[in-house]
Amino acid sequence: GKVNPSGKLALTMPSGDADTLVSDTPEHRKTRYEGYERNGKKYIDFDEGIFTGYRWYDKMGIKPLYAFGHGLSYTAFSYSDLKVEGRNVTFTVTNTGDMAGAEIAQVYLGAAEVPPPIQMAQKQLCGFARLEDMQPGEARTVTVTIPERSFCYWNAAGELVARPGGTKDKWVKTSGPRKIMVGPSSDNLPLAASILV
């Protein structure tokens, strides 16, 4: 207890086997992990698309045992004063406990309206900030800039778009309202604001 570990999970931990995206049927497990052969070639289907990790739990409405970003600490942190200007998200993190510790503040971007069959998660991690050695009672103001690409989706059916420098891609920027959420883990986001893209 002399040193605060301040670690965070980089994955989502389910409450049990039934709370995973792997079916309980032996046939599905065999197909998914061992694959299958067709015309002399071996295939493995991954049909979840972008819905892996916390995105899948959100989509299915399943509360995991420990969410992405969950951490154990000998102190506590509070979040306040959210402001969003353009792509800059500014907020304050305060160590409200009795021991020094580090915190990793996470910024998520809510879903946008996209044409079918484009997949869009309820929220996606778009930035974070690690605040080292925060003393008891200390408050720090943090600014996280959301990358421009976080506001885009890849349209495989779309036309190639020429970019400065000669590159081509199929990234399409979303438009309309988006939600910005901030907190210590994917299931604990006490700050929220809406923006218009």
N, C-alpha and C. Protein backbone atom coordinates (compact mmCIF):
# COMPACT_ATOMS: atom_id res chain seq x y z
N GLY A 1 0.77 -1.20 0.00
CA GLY A 1 0.00 0.00 0.00
C GLY A 1 0.82 1.27 0.00
N LYS A 2 2.13 1.18 -0.12
CA LYS A 2 2.96 2.39 -0.10
C LYS A 2 2.98 3.07 -1.46
N VAL A 3 2.77 2.31 -2.51
CA VAL A 3 2.79 2.88 -3.87
C VAL A 3 1.45 2.58 -4.53
N ASN A 4 0.88 3.59 -5.15
CA ASN A 4 -0.40 3.45 -5.83
C ASN A 4 -0.17 2.85 -7.21
N PRO A 5 -0.73 1.66 -7.53
CA PRO A 5 -0.45 1.04 -8.83
C PRO A 5 -1.01 1.83 -10.03
N SER A 6 -2.17 2.43 -9.88
CA SER A 6 -2.76 3.30 -10.91
C SER A 6 -2.85 2.66 -12.29
N GLY A 7 -3.04 1.35 -12.37
CA GLY A 7 -3.14 0.67 -13.66
C GLY A 7 -4.56 0.70 -14.21
N LYS A 8 -4.69 0.54 -15.51
CA LYS A 8 -6.00 0.51 -16.19
C LYS A 8 -6.03 -0.69 -17.14
N LEU A 9 -7.22 -1.28 -17.28
CA LEU A 9 -7.38 -2.41 -18.20
C LEU A 9 -7.41 -1.94 -19.65
N ALA A 10 -6.71 -2.67 -20.50
CA ALA A 10 -6.72 -2.37 -21.94
C ALA A 10 -7.68 -3.30 -22.68
N LEU A 11 -8.56 -3.96 -21.93
CA LEU A 11 -9.55 -4.86 -22.50
C LEU A 11 -10.77 -4.89 -21.61
N THR A 12 -11.81 -5.57 -22.06
CA THR A 12 -13.04 -5.71 -21.29
C THR A 12 -13.12 -7.14 -20.77
N MET A 13 -13.42 -7.30 -19.48
CA MET A 13 -13.50 -8.63 -18.90
C MET A 13 -14.97 -8.99 -18.63
N PRO A 14 -15.43 -10.12 -19.21
CA PRO A 14 -16.83 -10.51 -19.04
C PRO A 14 -17.11 -11.08 -17.66
N SER A 15 -18.38 -11.10 -17.29
CA SER A 15 -18.80 -11.71 -16.03
C SER A 15 -18.77 -13.23 -16.13
N GLY A 16 -18.92 -13.77 -17.32
CA GLY A 16 -18.90 -15.22 -17.52
C GLY A 16 -18.87 -15.55 -18.99
N ASP A 17 -18.76 -16.85 -19.30
CA ASP A 17 -18.67 -17.29 -20.69
C ASP A 17 -19.87 -16.87 -21.52
N ALA A 18 -21.04 -16.82 -20.90
CA ALA A 18 -22.25 -16.45 -21.63
C ALA A 18 -22.22 -14.99 -22.08
N ASP A 19 -21.37 -14.18 -21.46
CA ASP A 19 -21.29 -12.75 -21.79
C ASP A 19 -20.15 -12.45 -22.75
N THR A 20 -19.95 -13.32 -23.72
CA THR A 20 -18.93 -13.08 -24.73
C THR A 20 -19.57 -13.21 -26.10
N LEU A 21 -18.88 -12.77 -27.14
CA LEU A 21 -19.45 -12.85 -28.46
C LEU A 21 -19.27 -14.21 -29.10
N VAL A 22 -18.62 -15.15 -28.38
CA VAL A 22 -18.44 -16.50 -28.89
C VAL A 22 -19.66 -17.33 -28.51
N SER A 23 -20.29 -17.92 -29.49
CA SER A 23 -21.46 -18.76 -29.26
C SER A 23 -21.08 -19.98 -28.44
N ASP A 24 -22.04 -20.52 -27.69
CA ASP A 24 -21.80 -21.72 -26.91
C ASP A 24 -21.88 -23.00 -27.73
N THR A 25 -22.27 -22.90 -29.01
CA THR A 25 -22.40 -24.12 -29.79
C THR A 25 -21.02 -24.57 -30.28
N PRO A 26 -20.73 -25.85 -30.15
CA PRO A 26 -19.42 -26.37 -30.59
C PRO A 26 -19.15 -26.09 -32.07
N GLU A 27 -20.22 -26.12 -32.90
CA GLU A 27 -20.03 -25.89 -34.34
C GLU A 27 -19.52 -24.46 -34.60
N HIS A 28 -20.10 -23.48 -33.90
CA HIS A 28 -19.69 -22.10 -34.10
C HIS A 28 -18.27 -21.89 -33.60
N ARG A 29 -17.94 -22.46 -32.44
CA ARG A 29 -16.57 -22.33 -31.91
C ARG A 29 -15.57 -22.94 -32.88
N LYS A 30 -15.89 -24.13 -33.40
CA LYS A 30 -14.99 -24.79 -34.34
C LYS A 30 -14.79 -23.94 -35.59
N THR A 31 -15.88 -23.42 -36.15
CA THR A 31 -15.78 -22.59 -37.35
C THR A 31 -14.99 -21.33 -37.06
N ARG A 32 -15.26 -20.73 -35.91
CA ARG A 32 -14.64 -19.45 -35.60
C ARG A 32 -13.14 -19.56 -35.35
N TYR A 33 -12.70 -20.58 -34.64
CA TYR A 33 -11.30 -20.65 -34.23
C TYR A 33 -10.46 -21.63 -35.04
N GLU A 34 -11.07 -22.71 -35.50
CA GLU A 34 -10.31 -23.67 -36.29
C GLU A 34 -10.48 -23.41 -37.77
N GLY A 35 -11.53 -22.69 -38.11
CA GLY A 35 -11.77 -22.38 -39.51
C GLY A 35 -12.46 -23.54 -40.24
N TYR A 36 -12.55 -23.40 -41.53
CA TYR A 36 -13.17 -24.43 -42.35
C TYR A 36 -12.49 -24.38 -43.72
N GLU A 37 -12.63 -25.47 -44.44
CA GLU A 37 -12.01 -25.55 -45.76
C GLU A 37 -13.05 -25.45 -46.85
N ARG A 38 -12.69 -24.73 -47.90
CA ARG A 38 -13.54 -24.62 -49.07
C ARG A 38 -12.61 -24.53 -50.29
N ASN A 39 -12.83 -25.40 -51.25
CA ASN A 39 -12.02 -25.43 -52.48
C ASN A 39 -10.53 -25.53 -52.18
N GLY A 40 -10.21 -26.32 -51.15
CA GLY A 40 -8.80 -26.55 -50.81
C GLY A 40 -8.13 -25.42 -50.05
N LYS A 41 -8.88 -24.39 -49.65
CA LYS A 41 -8.32 -23.28 -48.88
C LYS A 41 -8.99 -23.21 -47.51
N LYS A 42 -8.22 -22.76 -46.52
CA LYS A 42 -8.75 -22.66 -45.16
C LYS A 42 -9.24 -21.23 -44.91
N TYR A 43 -10.43 -21.10 -44.31
CA TYR A 43 -11.03 -19.80 -44.02
C TYR A 43 -11.41 -19.71 -42.55
N ILE A 44 -11.36 -18.52 -42.01
CA ILE A 44 -11.89 -18.23 -40.68
C ILE A 44 -12.75 -16.98 -40.82
N ASP A 45 -14.01 -17.07 -40.41
CA ASP A 45 -14.92 -15.94 -40.50
C ASP A 45 -14.88 -15.12 -39.21
N PHE A 46 -14.71 -13.84 -39.36
CA PHE A 46 -14.85 -12.90 -38.24
C PHE A 46 -15.99 -11.97 -38.63
N ASP A 47 -17.17 -12.23 -38.08
CA ASP A 47 -18.36 -11.53 -38.54
C ASP A 47 -18.81 -10.41 -37.61
N GLU A 48 -18.00 -10.07 -36.60
CA GLU A 48 -18.43 -9.02 -35.67
C GLU A 48 -18.14 -7.62 -36.18
N GLY A 49 -17.38 -7.50 -37.28
CA GLY A 49 -17.07 -6.17 -37.82
C GLY A 49 -16.31 -5.32 -36.81
N ILE A 50 -16.79 -4.08 -36.59
CA ILE A 50 -16.10 -3.18 -35.66
C ILE A 50 -16.51 -3.45 -34.21
N PHE A 51 -17.47 -4.34 -34.00
CA PHE A 51 -18.01 -4.55 -32.66
C PHE A 51 -17.20 -5.58 -31.87
N THR A 52 -16.03 -5.15 -31.42
CA THR A 52 -15.19 -5.95 -30.55
C THR A 52 -14.98 -5.17 -29.25
N GLY A 53 -14.59 -5.88 -28.20
CA GLY A 53 -14.31 -5.22 -26.92
C GLY A 53 -15.52 -4.47 -26.39
N TYR A 54 -15.28 -3.29 -25.84
CA TYR A 54 -16.36 -2.51 -25.23
C TYR A 54 -17.45 -2.17 -26.24
N ARG A 55 -17.14 -2.06 -27.52
CA ARG A 55 -18.15 -1.73 -28.53
C ARG A 55 -19.21 -2.83 -28.62
N TRP A 56 -18.77 -4.10 -28.50
CA TRP A 56 -19.72 -5.21 -28.55
C TRP A 56 -20.60 -5.20 -27.30
N TYR A 57 -20.01 -4.99 -26.13
CA TYR A 57 -20.79 -4.96 -24.89
C TYR A 57 -21.83 -3.84 -24.94
N ASP A 58 -21.45 -2.68 -25.45
CA ASP A 58 -22.41 -1.58 -25.61
C ASP A 58 -23.55 -1.99 -26.53
N LYS A 59 -23.20 -2.57 -27.68
CA LYS A 59 -24.21 -2.95 -28.67
C LYS A 59 -25.20 -3.96 -28.10
N MET A 60 -24.69 -4.93 -27.32
CA MET A 60 -25.53 -5.99 -26.80
C MET A 60 -26.21 -5.62 -25.47
N GLY A 61 -25.84 -4.47 -24.90
CA GLY A 61 -26.42 -4.06 -23.63
C GLY A 61 -26.00 -4.95 -22.47
N ILE A 62 -24.79 -5.48 -22.52
CA ILE A 62 -24.28 -6.38 -21.48
C ILE A 62 -23.30 -5.62 -20.60
N LYS A 63 -23.51 -5.66 -19.30
CA LYS A 63 -22.59 -5.02 -18.36
C LYS A 63 -21.45 -6.00 -18.07
N PRO A 64 -20.21 -5.64 -18.40
CA PRO A 64 -19.09 -6.55 -18.16
C PRO A 64 -18.70 -6.56 -16.67
N LEU A 65 -17.91 -7.53 -16.29
CA LEU A 65 -17.39 -7.58 -14.93
C LEU A 65 -16.48 -6.36 -14.71
N TYR A 66 -15.55 -6.14 -15.65
CA TYR A 66 -14.67 -4.97 -15.61
C TYR A 66 -14.60 -4.39 -17.02
N ALA A 67 -14.91 -3.12 -17.14
CA ALA A 67 -14.96 -2.46 -18.45
C ALA A 67 -13.57 -2.03 -18.92
N PHE A 68 -13.46 -1.76 -20.21
CA PHE A 68 -12.25 -1.19 -20.78
C PHE A 68 -11.91 0.09 -20.03
N GLY A 69 -10.67 0.20 -19.56
CA GLY A 69 -10.25 1.40 -18.82
C GLY A 69 -10.43 1.29 -17.32
N HIS A 70 -11.07 0.20 -16.84
CA HIS A 70 -11.26 0.04 -15.40
C HIS A 70 -9.89 -0.02 -14.72
N GLY A 71 -9.79 0.58 -13.54
CA GLY A 71 -8.53 0.54 -12.81
C GLY A 71 -8.74 0.50 -11.32
N LEU A 72 -7.73 0.00 -10.63
CA LEU A 72 -7.75 -0.02 -9.17
C LEU A 72 -6.78 1.04 -8.67
N SER A 73 -7.17 1.70 -7.60
CA SER A 73 -6.37 2.79 -7.09
C SER A 73 -6.60 2.92 -5.59
N TYR A 74 -5.63 3.45 -4.89
CA TYR A 74 -5.78 3.73 -3.46
C TYR A 74 -6.32 5.13 -3.23
N THR A 75 -6.64 5.83 -4.31
CA THR A 75 -7.22 7.16 -4.19
C THR A 75 -8.42 7.25 -5.13
N ALA A 76 -9.04 8.40 -5.22
CA ALA A 76 -10.20 8.59 -6.09
C ALA A 76 -10.04 9.89 -6.87
N PHE A 77 -10.70 9.95 -8.02
CA PHE A 77 -10.62 11.13 -8.88
C PHE A 77 -12.02 11.57 -9.27
N SER A 78 -12.20 12.89 -9.38
CA SER A 78 -13.47 13.42 -9.88
C SER A 78 -13.20 14.21 -11.15
N TYR A 79 -14.24 14.31 -11.98
CA TYR A 79 -14.15 15.01 -13.27
C TYR A 79 -15.16 16.15 -13.27
N SER A 80 -14.76 17.29 -13.82
CA SER A 80 -15.66 18.45 -13.84
C SER A 80 -15.28 19.41 -14.97
N ASP A 81 -16.11 20.44 -15.15
CA ASP A 81 -15.83 21.60 -16.02
C ASP A 81 -15.53 21.23 -17.47
N LEU A 82 -16.40 20.44 -18.08
CA LEU A 82 -16.20 20.05 -19.48
C LEU A 82 -16.51 21.22 -20.42
N LYS A 83 -15.58 21.46 -21.34
CA LYS A 83 -15.76 22.47 -22.39
C LYS A 83 -15.26 21.86 -23.70
N VAL A 84 -16.03 22.08 -24.77
CA VAL A 84 -15.63 21.58 -26.09
C VAL A 84 -15.60 22.75 -27.05
N GLU A 85 -14.44 22.96 -27.66
CA GLU A 85 -14.27 24.01 -28.67
C GLU A 85 -13.62 23.37 -29.89
N GLY A 86 -14.39 23.25 -30.96
CA GLY A 86 -13.86 22.57 -32.14
C GLY A 86 -13.56 21.13 -31.80
N ARG A 87 -12.30 20.71 -32.03
CA ARG A 87 -11.89 19.35 -31.69
C ARG A 87 -11.20 19.26 -30.34
N ASN A 88 -11.11 20.38 -29.62
CA ASN A 88 -10.45 20.40 -28.32
C ASN A 88 -11.45 20.17 -27.19
N VAL A 89 -11.18 19.16 -26.38
CA VAL A 89 -12.02 18.80 -25.24
C VAL A 89 -11.23 19.11 -23.97
N THR A 90 -11.74 20.07 -23.18
CA THR A 90 -11.04 20.51 -21.96
C THR A 90 -11.89 20.18 -20.74
N PHE A 91 -11.26 19.67 -19.70
CA PHE A 91 -11.95 19.29 -18.47
C PHE A 91 -10.96 19.30 -17.32
N THR A 92 -11.47 19.18 -16.10
CA THR A 92 -10.63 19.19 -14.91
C THR A 92 -10.74 17.85 -14.19
N VAL A 93 -9.59 17.31 -13.77
CA VAL A 93 -9.53 16.09 -12.99
C VAL A 93 -8.95 16.46 -11.62
N THR A 94 -9.63 16.02 -10.56
CA THR A 94 -9.20 16.33 -9.19
C THR A 94 -8.97 15.04 -8.42
N ASN A 95 -7.84 14.95 -7.72
CA ASN A 95 -7.57 13.83 -6.82
C ASN A 95 -8.33 14.11 -5.53
N THR A 96 -9.43 13.40 -5.31
CA THR A 96 -10.28 13.63 -4.13
C THR A 96 -9.95 12.69 -2.98
N GLY A 97 -8.92 11.87 -3.15
CA GLY A 97 -8.55 10.91 -2.10
C GLY A 97 -7.42 11.41 -1.22
N ASP A 98 -6.87 10.47 -0.44
CA ASP A 98 -5.82 10.80 0.54
C ASP A 98 -4.44 10.37 0.11
N MET A 99 -4.28 9.88 -1.11
CA MET A 99 -2.98 9.37 -1.55
C MET A 99 -2.69 9.86 -2.96
N ALA A 100 -1.42 10.04 -3.27
CA ALA A 100 -1.02 10.43 -4.63
C ALA A 100 -1.31 9.27 -5.59
N GLY A 101 -1.57 9.61 -6.83
CA GLY A 101 -1.82 8.57 -7.83
C GLY A 101 -1.85 9.15 -9.22
N ALA A 102 -1.86 8.25 -10.20
CA ALA A 102 -1.97 8.65 -11.60
C ALA A 102 -3.37 8.28 -12.09
N GLU A 103 -3.87 9.06 -13.03
CA GLU A 103 -5.18 8.80 -13.63
C GLU A 103 -5.05 8.87 -15.15
N ILE A 104 -5.81 8.02 -15.83
CA ILE A 104 -5.87 8.07 -17.28
C ILE A 104 -7.29 8.48 -17.66
N ALA A 105 -7.45 9.72 -18.06
CA ALA A 105 -8.75 10.26 -18.45
C ALA A 105 -9.00 9.90 -19.90
N GLN A 106 -10.21 9.42 -20.19
CA GLN A 106 -10.54 8.94 -21.52
C GLN A 106 -11.65 9.80 -22.15
N VAL A 107 -11.51 10.06 -23.44
CA VAL A 107 -12.50 10.84 -24.18
C VAL A 107 -13.10 9.94 -25.26
N TYR A 108 -14.43 9.89 -25.29
CA TYR A 108 -15.15 9.07 -26.25
C TYR A 108 -16.03 9.95 -27.13
N LEU A 109 -16.22 9.49 -28.36
CA LEU A 109 -17.07 10.18 -29.33
C LEU A 109 -18.28 9.30 -29.60
N GLY A 110 -19.47 9.86 -29.45
CA GLY A 110 -20.70 9.12 -29.68
C GLY A 110 -20.96 8.87 -31.16
N ALA A 111 -21.95 8.04 -31.42
CA ALA A 111 -22.27 7.61 -32.78
C ALA A 111 -22.80 8.76 -33.63
N ALA A 112 -22.63 8.60 -34.93
CA ALA A 112 -23.17 9.54 -35.92
C ALA A 112 -24.15 8.79 -36.81
N GLU A 113 -24.99 9.53 -37.51
CA GLU A 113 -25.87 8.93 -38.51
C GLU A 113 -25.02 8.62 -39.75
N VAL A 114 -25.02 7.34 -40.15
CA VAL A 114 -24.27 6.91 -41.33
C VAL A 114 -25.18 6.05 -42.20
N PRO A 115 -24.91 6.00 -43.50
CA PRO A 115 -25.76 5.19 -44.39
C PRO A 115 -25.48 3.70 -44.20
N PRO A 116 -26.50 2.85 -44.38
CA PRO A 116 -26.26 1.42 -44.33
C PRO A 116 -25.41 1.01 -45.52
N PRO A 117 -24.57 0.01 -45.42
CA PRO A 117 -24.37 -0.89 -44.29
C PRO A 117 -23.22 -0.48 -43.37
N ILE A 118 -22.85 0.80 -43.35
CA ILE A 118 -21.74 1.26 -42.51
C ILE A 118 -22.06 0.96 -41.05
N GLN A 119 -21.08 0.41 -40.33
CA GLN A 119 -21.25 0.13 -38.90
C GLN A 119 -20.77 1.33 -38.10
N MET A 120 -21.50 1.65 -37.02
CA MET A 120 -21.12 2.76 -36.15
C MET A 120 -21.36 2.33 -34.70
N ALA A 121 -20.31 2.40 -33.89
CA ALA A 121 -20.42 2.03 -32.48
C ALA A 121 -21.14 3.13 -31.70
N GLN A 122 -21.76 2.77 -30.59
CA GLN A 122 -22.43 3.75 -29.73
C GLN A 122 -21.44 4.81 -29.25
N LYS A 123 -20.22 4.38 -28.99
CA LYS A 123 -19.15 5.32 -28.64
C LYS A 123 -17.82 4.69 -29.01
N GLN A 124 -16.84 5.56 -29.28
CA GLN A 124 -15.50 5.09 -29.61
C GLN A 124 -14.47 5.95 -28.90
N LEU A 125 -13.43 5.30 -28.38
CA LEU A 125 -12.34 6.03 -27.75
C LEU A 125 -11.66 6.89 -28.81
N CYS A 126 -11.53 8.18 -28.53
CA CYS A 126 -10.90 9.07 -29.52
C CYS A 126 -9.75 9.87 -28.94
N GLY A 127 -9.45 9.66 -27.66
CA GLY A 127 -8.31 10.34 -27.06
C GLY A 127 -8.23 10.03 -25.57
N PHE A 128 -7.06 10.28 -25.01
CA PHE A 128 -6.88 10.08 -23.58
C PHE A 128 -5.71 10.92 -23.10
N ALA A 129 -5.61 11.07 -21.80
CA ALA A 129 -4.49 11.81 -21.20
C ALA A 129 -4.12 11.13 -19.89
N ARG A 130 -2.84 10.90 -19.70
CA ARG A 130 -2.35 10.32 -18.44
C ARG A 130 -1.85 11.46 -17.55
N LEU A 131 -2.40 11.52 -16.35
CA LEU A 131 -2.02 12.54 -15.39
C LEU A 131 -1.19 11.88 -14.30
N GLU A 132 0.10 12.10 -14.32
CA GLU A 132 1.04 11.46 -13.40
C GLU A 132 1.10 12.16 -12.06
N ASP A 133 1.35 11.40 -11.02
CA ASP A 133 1.70 11.91 -9.69
C ASP A 133 0.79 13.05 -9.21
N MET A 134 -0.51 12.80 -9.24
CA MET A 134 -1.46 13.79 -8.74
C MET A 134 -1.55 13.67 -7.23
N GLN A 135 -1.26 14.74 -6.54
CA GLN A 135 -1.27 14.75 -5.08
C GLN A 135 -2.69 14.89 -4.55
N PRO A 136 -2.94 14.46 -3.30
CA PRO A 136 -4.28 14.61 -2.73
C PRO A 136 -4.75 16.07 -2.79
N GLY A 137 -5.96 16.27 -3.29
CA GLY A 137 -6.52 17.61 -3.41
C GLY A 137 -6.12 18.36 -4.66
N GLU A 138 -5.16 17.85 -5.40
CA GLU A 138 -4.68 18.54 -6.61
C GLU A 138 -5.70 18.43 -7.74
N ALA A 139 -5.88 19.53 -8.47
CA ALA A 139 -6.76 19.56 -9.65
C ALA A 139 -5.93 19.98 -10.85
N ARG A 140 -6.14 19.32 -11.97
CA ARG A 140 -5.45 19.68 -13.21
C ARG A 140 -6.47 19.82 -14.34
N THR A 141 -6.26 20.83 -15.14
CA THR A 141 -7.08 21.03 -16.33
C THR A 141 -6.36 20.37 -17.50
N VAL A 142 -7.11 19.59 -18.25
CA VAL A 142 -6.56 18.78 -19.33
C VAL A 142 -7.26 19.16 -20.63
N THR A 143 -6.51 19.19 -21.73
CA THR A 143 -7.10 19.36 -23.05
C THR A 143 -6.67 18.20 -23.92
N VAL A 144 -7.66 17.51 -24.50
CA VAL A 144 -7.41 16.41 -25.42
C VAL A 144 -7.98 16.85 -26.77
N THR A 145 -7.17 16.74 -27.82
CA THR A 145 -7.62 17.08 -29.16
C THR A 145 -8.05 15.82 -29.88
N ILE A 146 -9.29 15.82 -30.33
CA ILE A 146 -9.82 14.65 -31.06
C ILE A 146 -9.26 14.68 -32.48
N PRO A 147 -8.65 13.59 -32.93
CA PRO A 147 -8.14 13.56 -34.30
C PRO A 147 -9.27 13.72 -35.32
N GLU A 148 -8.99 14.41 -36.40
CA GLU A 148 -9.98 14.63 -37.45
C GLU A 148 -10.56 13.31 -37.96
N ARG A 149 -9.71 12.29 -38.04
CA ARG A 149 -10.15 10.99 -38.57
C ARG A 149 -11.22 10.34 -37.70
N SER A 150 -11.28 10.68 -36.41
CA SER A 150 -12.31 10.11 -35.53
C SER A 150 -13.71 10.51 -35.95
N PHE A 151 -13.83 11.60 -36.69
CA PHE A 151 -15.14 12.06 -37.16
C PHE A 151 -15.52 11.45 -38.52
N CYS A 152 -14.70 10.50 -38.99
CA CYS A 152 -14.90 9.91 -40.32
C CYS A 152 -15.22 8.43 -40.24
N TYR A 153 -15.74 7.91 -41.33
CA TYR A 153 -15.93 6.48 -41.48
C TYR A 153 -15.39 6.08 -42.86
N TRP A 154 -15.02 4.80 -42.98
CA TRP A 154 -14.50 4.29 -44.24
C TRP A 154 -15.67 3.75 -45.05
N ASN A 155 -15.87 4.30 -46.24
CA ASN A 155 -16.96 3.87 -47.10
C ASN A 155 -16.40 3.00 -48.22
N ALA A 156 -16.40 1.69 -47.99
CA ALA A 156 -15.82 0.76 -48.96
C ALA A 156 -16.52 0.83 -50.31
N ALA A 157 -17.81 1.18 -50.31
CA ALA A 157 -18.56 1.27 -51.56
C ALA A 157 -18.40 2.63 -52.24
N GLY A 158 -17.76 3.57 -51.57
CA GLY A 158 -17.62 4.91 -52.11
C GLY A 158 -16.50 5.04 -53.13
N GLU A 159 -16.42 6.22 -53.70
CA GLU A 159 -15.38 6.52 -54.67
C GLU A 159 -14.10 6.94 -53.95
N LEU A 160 -12.96 6.71 -54.59
CA LEU A 160 -11.69 7.17 -54.04
C LEU A 160 -11.65 8.69 -54.08
N VAL A 161 -11.23 9.29 -52.98
CA VAL A 161 -11.13 10.73 -52.87
C VAL A 161 -9.65 11.12 -52.91
N ALA A 162 -9.29 12.02 -53.82
CA ALA A 162 -7.90 12.47 -53.93
C ALA A 162 -7.61 13.46 -52.82
N ARG A 163 -6.50 13.25 -52.11
CA ARG A 163 -6.09 14.12 -51.00
C ARG A 163 -4.85 14.91 -51.40
N PRO A 164 -4.58 16.00 -50.67
CA PRO A 164 -3.33 16.73 -50.92
C PRO A 164 -2.14 15.79 -50.73
N GLY A 165 -1.18 15.90 -51.59
CA GLY A 165 -0.01 15.04 -51.51
C GLY A 165 -0.12 13.81 -52.41
N GLY A 166 -1.28 13.66 -53.09
CA GLY A 166 -1.42 12.59 -54.06
C GLY A 166 -2.02 11.29 -53.54
N THR A 167 -2.34 11.20 -52.25
CA THR A 167 -2.94 9.97 -51.74
C THR A 167 -4.43 9.92 -52.08
N LYS A 168 -4.99 8.71 -52.07
CA LYS A 168 -6.42 8.51 -52.31
C LYS A 168 -6.97 7.58 -51.25
N ASP A 169 -8.19 7.85 -50.80
CA ASP A 169 -8.81 6.99 -49.81
C ASP A 169 -10.32 7.09 -49.91
N LYS A 170 -11.02 6.40 -49.01
CA LYS A 170 -12.48 6.41 -49.01
C LYS A 170 -13.04 6.88 -47.66
N TRP A 171 -12.28 7.74 -46.95
CA TRP A 171 -12.76 8.29 -45.69
C TRP A 171 -13.81 9.36 -45.95
N VAL A 172 -14.92 9.30 -45.21
CA VAL A 172 -16.01 10.26 -45.34
C VAL A 172 -16.26 10.88 -43.97
N LYS A 173 -16.26 12.21 -43.92
CA LYS A 173 -16.52 12.89 -42.65
C LYS A 173 -18.02 12.90 -42.36
N THR A 174 -18.36 12.58 -41.11
CA THR A 174 -19.77 12.61 -40.71
C THR A 174 -20.23 14.04 -40.53
N SER A 175 -21.53 14.22 -40.50
CA SER A 175 -22.09 15.54 -40.20
C SER A 175 -23.27 15.34 -39.26
N GLY A 176 -23.60 16.40 -38.55
CA GLY A 176 -24.71 16.32 -37.62
C GLY A 176 -24.25 16.28 -36.18
N PRO A 177 -25.16 16.01 -35.25
CA PRO A 177 -24.81 16.03 -33.83
C PRO A 177 -23.97 14.82 -33.43
N ARG A 178 -23.00 15.06 -32.54
CA ARG A 178 -22.18 13.99 -31.95
C ARG A 178 -22.07 14.28 -30.46
N LYS A 179 -21.98 13.24 -29.68
CA LYS A 179 -21.84 13.37 -28.23
C LYS A 179 -20.38 13.16 -27.85
N ILE A 180 -19.88 13.98 -26.95
CA ILE A 180 -18.53 13.84 -26.39
C ILE A 180 -18.70 13.39 -24.94
N MET A 181 -18.01 12.31 -24.55
CA MET A 181 -18.10 11.78 -23.19
C MET A 181 -16.70 11.64 -22.60
N VAL A 182 -16.56 11.95 -21.31
CA VAL A 182 -15.26 11.93 -20.66
C VAL A 182 -15.37 11.22 -19.31
N GLY A 183 -14.37 10.40 -19.00
CA GLY A 183 -14.36 9.74 -17.71
C GLY A 183 -13.20 8.76 -17.56
N PRO A 184 -13.21 7.97 -16.49
CA PRO A 184 -12.10 7.07 -16.21
C PRO A 184 -12.16 5.72 -16.91
N SER A 185 -13.33 5.31 -17.43
CA SER A 185 -13.45 4.02 -18.11
C SER A 185 -14.64 4.07 -19.06
N SER A 186 -14.73 3.05 -19.93
CA SER A 186 -15.78 3.07 -20.96
C SER A 186 -17.18 2.97 -20.38
N ASP A 187 -17.32 2.50 -19.14
CA ASP A 187 -18.65 2.42 -18.53
C ASP A 187 -18.85 3.45 -17.42
N ASN A 188 -17.93 4.37 -17.30
CA ASN A 188 -18.05 5.42 -16.27
C ASN A 188 -17.61 6.74 -16.88
N LEU A 189 -18.56 7.42 -17.51
CA LEU A 189 -18.29 8.67 -18.23
C LEU A 189 -19.17 9.77 -17.68
N PRO A 190 -18.75 10.40 -16.56
CA PRO A 190 -19.60 11.38 -15.89
C PRO A 190 -19.80 12.70 -16.62
N LEU A 191 -18.91 13.03 -17.56
CA LEU A 191 -19.04 14.29 -18.29
C LEU A 191 -19.52 14.02 -19.71
N ALA A 192 -20.45 14.84 -20.19
CA ALA A 192 -20.95 14.70 -21.56
C ALA A 192 -21.36 16.05 -22.11
N ALA A 193 -21.18 16.20 -23.41
CA ALA A 193 -21.60 17.41 -24.11
C ALA A 193 -21.94 17.02 -25.54
N SER A 194 -22.76 17.80 -26.20
CA SER A 194 -23.11 17.55 -27.60
C SER A 194 -22.47 18.62 -28.46
N ILE A 195 -22.02 18.20 -29.64
CA ILE A 195 -21.44 19.14 -30.61
C ILE A 195 -22.12 18.91 -31.95
N LEU A 196 -21.98 19.86 -32.84
CA LEU A 196 -22.51 19.73 -34.19
C LEU A 196 -21.33 19.71 -35.14
N VAL A 197 -21.18 18.61 -35.88
CA VAL A 197 -20.05 18.46 -36.79
C VAL A 197 -20.41 19.06 -38.14
